[in-house]
C-alpha atoms as a PDB file:
ATOM      1  CA  UNK A   1     -65.670  49.359 -67.801  1.00  0.00           C
ATOM      2  CA  UNK A   2     -64.643  49.045 -64.158  1.00  0.00           C
ATOM      3  CA  UNK A   3     -65.420  45.779 -62.383  1.00  0.00           C
ATOM      4  CA  UNK A   4     -66.140  46.563 -58.724  1.00  0.00           C
ATOM      5  CA  UNK A   5     -65.426  43.579 -56.493  1.00  0.00           C
ATOM      6  CA  UNK A   6     -66.150  43.612 -52.779  1.00  0.00           C
ATOM      7  CA  UNK A   7     -64.068  40.534 -51.886  1.00  0.00           C
ATOM      8  CA  UNK A   8     -61.784  38.125 -53.707  1.00  0.00           C
ATOM      9  CA  UNK A   9     -60.737  34.975 -51.857  1.00  0.00           C
ATOM     10  CA  UNK A  10     -57.480  33.815 -53.450  1.00  0.00           C
ATOM     11  CA  UNK A  11     -56.019  30.322 -53.414  1.00  0.00           C
ATOM     12  CA  UNK A  12     -53.718  28.240 -55.584  1.00  0.00           C
ATOM     13  CA  UNK A  13     -53.861  24.595 -56.587  1.00  0.00           C
ATOM     14  CA  UNK A  14     -51.146  22.423 -58.118  1.00  0.00           C
ATOM     15  CA  UNK A  15     -52.944  19.197 -58.983  1.00  0.00           C
ATOM     16  CA  UNK A  16     -54.961  20.644 -61.880  1.00  0.00           C
ATOM     17  CA  UNK A  17     -52.262  22.813 -63.409  1.00  0.00           C
ATOM     18  CA  UNK A  18     -51.757  21.895 -67.086  1.00  0.00           C
ATOM     19  CA  UNK A  19     -48.484  20.379 -68.194  1.00  0.00           C
ATOM     20  CA  UNK A  20     -45.772  22.998 -68.330  1.00  0.00           C
ATOM     21  CA  UNK A  21     -47.290  25.051 -65.508  1.00  0.00           C
ATOM     22  CA  UNK A  22     -46.551  24.946 -61.785  1.00  0.00           C
ATOM     23  CA  UNK A  23     -49.906  26.049 -60.361  1.00  0.00           C
ATOM     24  CA  UNK A  24     -53.261  27.688 -60.958  1.00  0.00           C
ATOM     25  CA  UNK A  25     -54.174  30.708 -58.854  1.00  0.00           C
ATOM     26  CA  UNK A  26     -57.907  31.320 -58.708  1.00  0.00           C
ATOM     27  CA  UNK A  27     -59.629  34.527 -57.635  1.00  0.00           C
ATOM     28  CA  UNK A  28     -62.986  33.497 -56.161  1.00  0.00           C
ATOM     29  CA  UNK A  29     -65.501  36.302 -55.818  1.00  0.00           C
ATOM     30  CA  UNK A  30     -67.328  36.144 -52.491  1.00  0.00           C
ATOM     31  CA  UNK A  31     -70.879  37.381 -52.825  1.00  0.00           C
ATOM     32  CA  UNK A  32     -74.103  36.642 -50.917  1.00  0.00           C
ATOM     33  CA  UNK A  33     -72.292  34.124 -48.731  1.00  0.00           C
ATOM     34  CA  UNK A  34     -71.065  32.051 -51.672  1.00  0.00           C
ATOM     35  CA  UNK A  35     -67.975  32.041 -53.874  1.00  0.00           C
ATOM     36  CA  UNK A  36     -67.623  31.865 -57.639  1.00  0.00           C
ATOM     37  CA  UNK A  37     -64.422  31.462 -59.698  1.00  0.00           C
ATOM     38  CA  UNK A  38     -63.757  34.807 -61.356  1.00  0.00           C
ATOM     39  CA  UNK A  39     -60.151  34.733 -62.603  1.00  0.00           C
ATOM     40  CA  UNK A  40     -57.921  31.743 -63.401  1.00  0.00           C
ATOM     41  CA  UNK A  41     -54.183  32.391 -63.613  1.00  0.00           C
ATOM     42  CA  UNK A  42     -51.671  29.805 -64.856  1.00  0.00           C
ATOM     43  CA  UNK A  43     -48.205  30.279 -63.377  1.00  0.00           C
ATOM     44  CA  UNK A  44     -44.857  28.593 -63.931  1.00  0.00           C
ATOM     45  CA  UNK A  45     -43.656  29.369 -60.413  1.00  0.00           C
ATOM     46  CA  UNK A  46     -44.626  30.901 -57.078  1.00  0.00           C
ATOM     47  CA  UNK A  47     -42.131  33.730 -56.698  1.00  0.00           C
ATOM     48  CA  UNK A  48     -43.284  37.193 -55.725  1.00  0.00           C
ATOM     49  CA  UNK A  49     -42.155  38.437 -59.144  1.00  0.00           C
ATOM     50  CA  UNK A  50     -44.266  35.799 -60.934  1.00  0.00           C
ATOM     51  CA  UNK A  51     -47.319  36.785 -58.936  1.00  0.00           C
ATOM     52  CA  UNK A  52     -46.772  40.507 -59.520  1.00  0.00           C
ATOM     53  CA  UNK A  53     -46.403  40.134 -63.281  1.00  0.00           C
ATOM     54  CA  UNK A  54     -49.546  38.004 -63.477  1.00  0.00           C
ATOM     55  CA  UNK A  55     -51.641  40.341 -61.332  1.00  0.00           C
ATOM     56  CA  UNK A  56     -50.498  43.406 -63.267  1.00  0.00           C
ATOM     57  CA  UNK A  57     -51.457  41.640 -66.506  1.00  0.00           C
ATOM     58  CA  UNK A  58     -54.919  40.957 -65.077  1.00  0.00           C
ATOM     59  CA  UNK A  59     -55.300  44.666 -64.422  1.00  0.00           C
ATOM     60  CA  UNK A  60     -54.416  45.386 -68.056  1.00  0.00           C
ATOM     61  CA  UNK A  61     -57.132  43.025 -69.276  1.00  0.00           C
ATOM     62  CA  UNK A  62     -59.824  43.998 -66.771  1.00  0.00           C
ATOM     63  CA  UNK A  63     -60.082  47.223 -64.785  1.00  0.00           C
ATOM     64  CA  UNK A  64     -60.599  45.874 -61.286  1.00  0.00           C
ATOM     65  CA  UNK A  65     -61.665  47.887 -58.274  1.00  0.00           C
ATOM     66  CA  UNK A  66     -61.179  45.398 -55.434  1.00  0.00           C
ATOM     67  CA  UNK A  67     -61.974  46.289 -51.838  1.00  0.00           C
ATOM     68  CA  UNK A  68     -60.778  43.133 -50.025  1.00  0.00           C
ATOM     69  CA  UNK A  69     -58.583  40.088 -50.538  1.00  0.00           C
ATOM     70  CA  UNK A  70     -58.543  37.033 -48.273  1.00  0.00           C
ATOM     71  CA  UNK A  71     -55.521  34.732 -48.626  1.00  0.00           C
ATOM     72  CA  UNK A  72     -53.299  32.346 -46.752  1.00  0.00           C
ATOM     73  CA  UNK A  73     -50.039  33.617 -45.237  1.00  0.00           C
ATOM     74  CA  UNK A  74     -47.779  33.052 -48.270  1.00  0.00           C
ATOM     75  CA  UNK A  75     -45.499  36.070 -48.169  1.00  0.00           C
ATOM     76  CA  UNK A  76     -44.811  36.341 -51.914  1.00  0.00           C
ATOM     77  CA  UNK A  77     -48.505  36.148 -52.780  1.00  0.00           C
ATOM     78  CA  UNK A  78     -49.528  38.729 -50.189  1.00  0.00           C
ATOM     79  CA  UNK A  79     -46.747  41.159 -51.121  1.00  0.00           C
ATOM     80  CA  UNK A  80     -47.642  40.898 -54.811  1.00  0.00           C
ATOM     81  CA  UNK A  81     -51.326  41.579 -54.135  1.00  0.00           C
ATOM     82  CA  UNK A  82     -50.397  44.612 -52.062  1.00  0.00           C
ATOM     83  CA  UNK A  83     -48.192  45.986 -54.824  1.00  0.00           C
ATOM     84  CA  UNK A  84     -50.662  45.335 -57.646  1.00  0.00           C
ATOM     85  CA  UNK A  85     -53.761  46.398 -55.699  1.00  0.00           C
ATOM     86  CA  UNK A  86     -52.508  49.037 -53.238  1.00  0.00           C
ATOM     87  CA  UNK A  87     -55.999  50.350 -52.483  1.00  0.00           C
ATOM     88  CA  UNK A  88     -57.349  46.942 -51.411  1.00  0.00           C
ATOM     89  CA  UNK A  89     -57.304  45.460 -47.908  1.00  0.00           C
ATOM     90  CA  UNK A  90     -55.337  42.212 -47.619  1.00  0.00           C
ATOM     91  CA  UNK A  91     -56.674  39.838 -44.972  1.00  0.00           C
ATOM     92  CA  UNK A  92     -55.134  36.616 -43.665  1.00  0.00           C
ATOM     93  CA  UNK A  93     -56.956  33.321 -43.267  1.00  0.00           C
ATOM     94  CA  UNK A  94     -57.859  32.621 -39.623  1.00  0.00           C
ATOM     95  CA  UNK A  95     -57.515  28.867 -40.135  1.00  0.00           C
ATOM     96  CA  UNK A  96     -53.963  29.294 -41.433  1.00  0.00           C
ATOM     97  CA  UNK A  97     -53.119  31.481 -38.429  1.00  0.00           C
ATOM     98  CA  UNK A  98     -54.086  28.669 -36.059  1.00  0.00           C
ATOM     99  CA  UNK A  99     -52.398  26.066 -38.234  1.00  0.00           C
ATOM    100  CA  UNK A 100     -49.132  28.016 -38.332  1.00  0.00           C
ATOM    101  CA  UNK A 101     -49.225  28.554 -34.565  1.00  0.00           C
ATOM    102  CA  UNK A 102     -49.774  24.849 -33.873  1.00  0.00           C
ATOM    103  CA  UNK A 103     -46.983  23.877 -36.278  1.00  0.00           C
ATOM    104  CA  UNK A 104     -44.709  26.236 -34.387  1.00  0.00           C
ATOM    105  CA  UNK A 105     -45.590  24.478 -31.143  1.00  0.00           C
ATOM    106  CA  UNK A 106     -44.273  21.317 -32.769  1.00  0.00           C
ATOM    107  CA  UNK A 107     -41.193  23.033 -34.191  1.00  0.00           C
ATOM    108  CA  UNK A 108     -40.121  24.287 -30.763  1.00  0.00           C
ATOM    109  CA  UNK A 109     -40.841  20.838 -29.297  1.00  0.00           C
ATOM    110  CA  UNK A 110     -43.672  22.022 -27.086  1.00  0.00           C
ATOM    111  CA  UNK A 111     -46.269  19.440 -28.156  1.00  0.00           C
ATOM    112  CA  UNK A 112     -46.127  17.616 -24.798  1.00  0.00           C
ATOM    113  CA  UNK A 113     -46.566  20.901 -22.952  1.00  0.00           C
ATOM    114  CA  UNK A 114     -49.491  21.804 -25.230  1.00  0.00           C
ATOM    115  CA  UNK A 115     -51.223  18.478 -24.552  1.00  0.00           C
ATOM    116  CA  UNK A 116     -50.388  18.025 -20.872  1.00  0.00           C
ATOM    117  CA  UNK A 117     -49.958  21.519 -19.418  1.00  0.00           C
ATOM    118  CA  UNK A 118     -53.339  23.216 -18.945  1.00  0.00           C
ATOM    119  CA  UNK A 119     -51.700  26.615 -18.442  1.00  0.00           C
ATOM    120  CA  UNK A 120     -49.776  26.307 -21.717  1.00  0.00           C
ATOM    121  CA  UNK A 121     -52.951  25.328 -23.544  1.00  0.00           C
ATOM    122  CA  UNK A 122     -54.859  28.226 -22.013  1.00  0.00           C
ATOM    123  CA  UNK A 123     -52.204  30.797 -22.957  1.00  0.00           C
ATOM    124  CA  UNK A 124     -52.101  29.400 -26.513  1.00  0.00           C
ATOM    125  CA  UNK A 125     -55.867  29.843 -26.845  1.00  0.00           C
ATOM    126  CA  UNK A 126     -55.828  33.312 -25.275  1.00  0.00           C
ATOM    127  CA  UNK A 127     -53.194  34.482 -27.754  1.00  0.00           C
ATOM    128  CA  UNK A 128     -55.072  33.147 -30.790  1.00  0.00           C
ATOM    129  CA  UNK A 129     -58.294  34.717 -29.529  1.00  0.00           C
ATOM    130  CA  UNK A 130     -56.659  38.106 -30.026  1.00  0.00           C
ATOM    131  CA  UNK A 131     -57.873  37.687 -33.612  1.00  0.00           C
ATOM    132  CA  UNK A 132     -61.422  38.376 -32.375  1.00  0.00           C
ATOM    133  CA  UNK A 133     -60.575  41.479 -30.327  1.00  0.00           C
ATOM    134  CA  UNK A 134     -61.141  44.965 -31.809  1.00  0.00           C
ATOM    135  CA  UNK A 135     -57.901  46.031 -33.471  1.00  0.00           C
ATOM    136  CA  UNK A 136     -57.519  49.064 -31.222  1.00  0.00           C
ATOM    137  CA  UNK A 137     -57.626  46.788 -28.143  1.00  0.00           C
ATOM    138  CA  UNK A 138     -55.211  44.029 -29.224  1.00  0.00           C
ATOM    139  CA  UNK A 139     -52.200  45.561 -27.464  1.00  0.00           C
ATOM    140  CA  UNK A 140     -54.159  45.988 -24.238  1.00  0.00           C
ATOM    141  CA  UNK A 141     -55.420  42.397 -24.277  1.00  0.00           C
ATOM    142  CA  UNK A 142     -51.942  41.102 -25.115  1.00  0.00           C
ATOM    143  CA  UNK A 143     -50.559  42.924 -22.076  1.00  0.00           C
ATOM    144  CA  UNK A 144     -53.373  41.382 -19.999  1.00  0.00           C
ATOM    145  CA  UNK A 145     -52.216  37.943 -21.159  1.00  0.00           C
ATOM    146  CA  UNK A 146     -48.664  38.759 -20.072  1.00  0.00           C
ATOM    147  CA  UNK A 147     -49.963  39.839 -16.656  1.00  0.00           C
ATOM    148  CA  UNK A 148     -51.943  36.579 -16.395  1.00  0.00           C
ATOM    149  CA  UNK A 149     -48.755  34.634 -17.186  1.00  0.00           C
ATOM    150  CA  UNK A 150     -46.767  36.542 -14.557  1.00  0.00           C
ATOM    151  CA  UNK A 151     -49.469  36.298 -11.888  1.00  0.00           C
ATOM    152  CA  UNK A 152     -49.697  32.536 -12.355  1.00  0.00           C
ATOM    153  CA  UNK A 153     -45.916  32.045 -12.588  1.00  0.00           C
ATOM    154  CA  UNK A 154     -46.228  30.347 -15.986  1.00  0.00           C
ATOM    155  CA  UNK A 155     -42.758  29.747 -17.426  1.00  0.00           C
ATOM    156  CA  UNK A 156     -43.451  27.144 -20.118  1.00  0.00           C
ATOM    157  CA  UNK A 157     -44.839  29.453 -22.809  1.00  0.00           C
ATOM    158  CA  UNK A 158     -41.891  31.826 -23.274  1.00  0.00           C
ATOM    159  CA  UNK A 159     -40.777  30.435 -26.653  1.00  0.00           C
ATOM    160  CA  UNK A 160     -44.286  30.462 -28.103  1.00  0.00           C
ATOM    161  CA  UNK A 161     -44.915  34.017 -26.860  1.00  0.00           C
ATOM    162  CA  UNK A 162     -41.714  35.206 -28.506  1.00  0.00           C
ATOM    163  CA  UNK A 163     -42.631  33.483 -31.773  1.00  0.00           C
ATOM    164  CA  UNK A 164     -46.096  35.048 -31.900  1.00  0.00           C
ATOM    165  CA  UNK A 165     -44.912  38.524 -30.947  1.00  0.00           C
ATOM    166  CA  UNK A 166     -42.128  38.516 -33.550  1.00  0.00           C
ATOM    167  CA  UNK A 167     -44.112  36.977 -36.401  1.00  0.00           C
ATOM    168  CA  UNK A 168     -47.542  38.502 -35.892  1.00  0.00           C
ATOM    169  CA  UNK A 169     -46.514  41.958 -34.731  1.00  0.00           C
ATOM    170  CA  UNK A 170     -48.945  42.396 -31.854  1.00  0.00           C
ATOM    171  CA  UNK A 171     -47.673  45.940 -31.327  1.00  0.00           C
ATOM    172  CA  UNK A 172     -48.068  47.088 -34.944  1.00  0.00           C
ATOM    173  CA  UNK A 173     -51.398  47.612 -36.685  1.00  0.00           C
ATOM    174  CA  UNK A 174     -50.045  48.054 -40.233  1.00  0.00           C
ATOM    175  CA  UNK A 175     -46.903  47.147 -42.170  1.00  0.00           C
ATOM    176  CA  UNK A 176     -46.026  50.838 -42.297  1.00  0.00           C
ATOM    177  CA  UNK A 177     -46.038  50.989 -38.489  1.00  0.00           C
ATOM    178  CA  UNK A 178     -43.533  48.143 -38.512  1.00  0.00           C
ATOM    179  CA  UNK A 179     -41.352  49.549 -41.276  1.00  0.00           C
ATOM    180  CA  UNK A 180     -42.748  46.996 -43.740  1.00  0.00           C
ATOM    181  CA  UNK A 181     -40.809  44.173 -42.106  1.00  0.00           C
ATOM    182  CA  UNK A 182     -43.659  41.699 -41.623  1.00  0.00           C
ATOM    183  CA  UNK A 183     -46.610  40.482 -43.644  1.00  0.00           C
ATOM    184  CA  UNK A 184     -48.746  39.547 -40.665  1.00  0.00           C
ATOM    185  CA  UNK A 185     -49.434  42.701 -38.714  1.00  0.00           C
ATOM    186  CA  UNK A 186     -52.583  43.095 -36.643  1.00  0.00           C
ATOM    187  CA  UNK A 187     -54.868  44.307 -39.419  1.00  0.00           C
ATOM    188  CA  UNK A 188     -53.875  41.284 -41.542  1.00  0.00           C
ATOM    189  CA  UNK A 189     -54.754  38.494 -39.098  1.00  0.00           C
ATOM    190  CA  UNK A 190     -57.434  40.175 -36.972  1.00  0.00           C
ATOM    191  CA  UNK A 191     -61.010  39.252 -37.984  1.00  0.00           C
ATOM    192  CA  UNK A 192     -63.099  41.527 -35.733  1.00  0.00           C
ATOM    193  CA  UNK A 193     -64.079  43.962 -38.498  1.00  0.00           C
ATOM    194  CA  UNK A 194     -64.454  41.151 -41.010  1.00  0.00           C
ATOM    195  CA  UNK A 195     -67.086  39.464 -38.859  1.00  0.00           C
ATOM    196  CA  UNK A 196     -69.023  42.738 -38.649  1.00  0.00           C
ATOM    197  CA  UNK A 197     -68.747  43.373 -42.397  1.00  0.00           C
ATOM    198  CA  UNK A 198     -69.446  39.777 -43.466  1.00  0.00           C
ATOM    199  CA  UNK A 199     -66.018  39.332 -45.055  1.00  0.00           C
ATOM    200  CA  UNK A 200     -64.792  35.704 -44.911  1.00  0.00           C
ATOM    201  CA  UNK A 201     -62.590  34.866 -41.933  1.00  0.00           C
ATOM    202  CA  UNK A 202     -60.852  32.085 -43.851  1.00  0.00           C
ATOM    203  CA  UNK A 203     -59.892  31.140 -47.399  1.00  0.00           C
ATOM    204  CA  UNK A 204     -61.719  27.819 -46.993  1.00  0.00           C
ATOM    205  CA  UNK A 205     -64.343  28.638 -49.629  1.00  0.00           C
ATOM    206  CA  UNK A 206     -61.590  29.122 -52.212  1.00  0.00           C
ATOM    207  CA  UNK A 207     -59.869  25.890 -51.193  1.00  0.00           C
ATOM    208  CA  UNK A 208     -63.206  24.090 -51.508  1.00  0.00           C
ATOM    209  CA  UNK A 209     -63.756  25.626 -54.943  1.00  0.00           C
ATOM    210  CA  UNK A 210     -60.315  24.506 -56.063  1.00  0.00           C
ATOM    211  CA  UNK A 211     -61.026  20.961 -54.872  1.00  0.00           C
ATOM    212  CA  UNK A 212     -64.085  20.981 -57.140  1.00  0.00           C
ATOM    213  CA  UNK A 213     -61.875  22.043 -60.045  1.00  0.00           C
ATOM    214  CA  UNK A 214     -59.434  19.234 -59.245  1.00  0.00           C
ATOM    215  CA  UNK A 215     -62.224  16.648 -59.266  1.00  0.00           C
ATOM    216  CA  UNK A 216     -63.496  17.843 -62.630  1.00  0.00           C
ATOM    217  CA  UNK A 217     -60.097  17.432 -64.251  1.00  0.00           C
ATOM    218  CA  UNK A 218     -60.238  13.635 -63.865  1.00  0.00           C
ATOM    219  CA  UNK A 219     -56.452  13.466 -64.129  1.00  0.00           C
ATOM    220  CA  UNK A 220     -53.477  15.175 -62.570  1.00  0.00           C
ATOM    221  CA  UNK A 221     -51.757  17.831 -64.716  1.00  0.00           C
ATOM    222  CA  UNK A 222     -54.015  17.536 -67.787  1.00  0.00           C
ATOM    223  CA  UNK A 223     -53.110  18.869 -71.214  1.00  0.00           C
ATOM    224  CA  UNK A 224     -54.148  22.444 -71.904  1.00  0.00           C
ATOM    225  CA  UNK A 225     -57.128  21.477 -74.098  1.00  0.00           C
ATOM    226  CA  UNK A 226     -58.643  19.253 -71.405  1.00  0.00           C
ATOM    227  CA  UNK A 227     -57.931  21.897 -68.788  1.00  0.00           C
ATOM    228  CA  UNK A 228     -59.823  24.586 -70.716  1.00  0.00           C
ATOM    229  CA  UNK A 229     -62.703  22.207 -71.430  1.00  0.00           C
ATOM    230  CA  UNK A 230     -63.103  21.280 -67.762  1.00  0.00           C
ATOM    231  CA  UNK A 231     -62.837  24.895 -66.617  1.00  0.00           C
ATOM    232  CA  UNK A 232     -65.666  25.793 -68.989  1.00  0.00           C
ATOM    233  CA  UNK A 233     -67.677  22.930 -67.486  1.00  0.00           C
ATOM    234  CA  UNK A 234     -67.239  24.531 -64.052  1.00  0.00           C
ATOM    235  CA  UNK A 235     -68.777  27.805 -65.188  1.00  0.00           C
END
C-alpha cells in the first residue's frame, strides 16, 4: 500500500529523546491547515549519513509518496531528504531564512548599521522580500535592488549583499543550476508558489508539535518505556 502525503513538515527535538539517543526527528503531516505527527525517528546523531539511513529505513517499512517537505536550513537533513525522496520538493522555512540573515548581520558586526541606518534596514528588508517574488522574477528584482543601492549611493550593505548572494544563490533556481554546491537555491527559500498552493511557509507547526511532545514527557531524556507511553498519549 502506498501512502500518499502532500506535505511533511520535519523538525527535530533533543529534550525528549530517550536515554542513549541524541534526538527525535518527527515528520508532521500537514493537512487541512493542521499538522499531525506521522513518523517518529530516534537518532544517535545528526550527520547526513545518520539521516539518510533512517529515512531509507522508513521507506522500507512504509511506501511513501511525498510531494513536499518543509524543513529548517540544516544542510545534512536537507541533503538526506533529497537523496531518500528525490521526487519530492524540499522547501526551506521562511522564519529560519530571516533568522539566519539577522544572525549574519550580527556576525559581520553590522547590528548598529541595521538599527541606525535606515538605508541598511531598507535594503535588508528588500532582499528578504525576494522570498515572496515569483521565482522567475527573483533575478530581475535582485538587480533592481542593486540599482536602488547604486542610485542612492548606499555603501554600508556590501558585506550583507555578498553573504546573501553567495549563500542563497539568487542567480540559481535549482541545485543543479548551481552544480549542487548550495542547499539554499531560489526554489528552496522562495515561498511564492507555496502561498498559492497552501503549503506551509515555515516549519513552525512542527516546532509547536514537538514542544507539545516535550511537555508530555514530564522529564528530560526519559527512559524508552516512558517515551513510548507518552508518545502513545499524544496520538
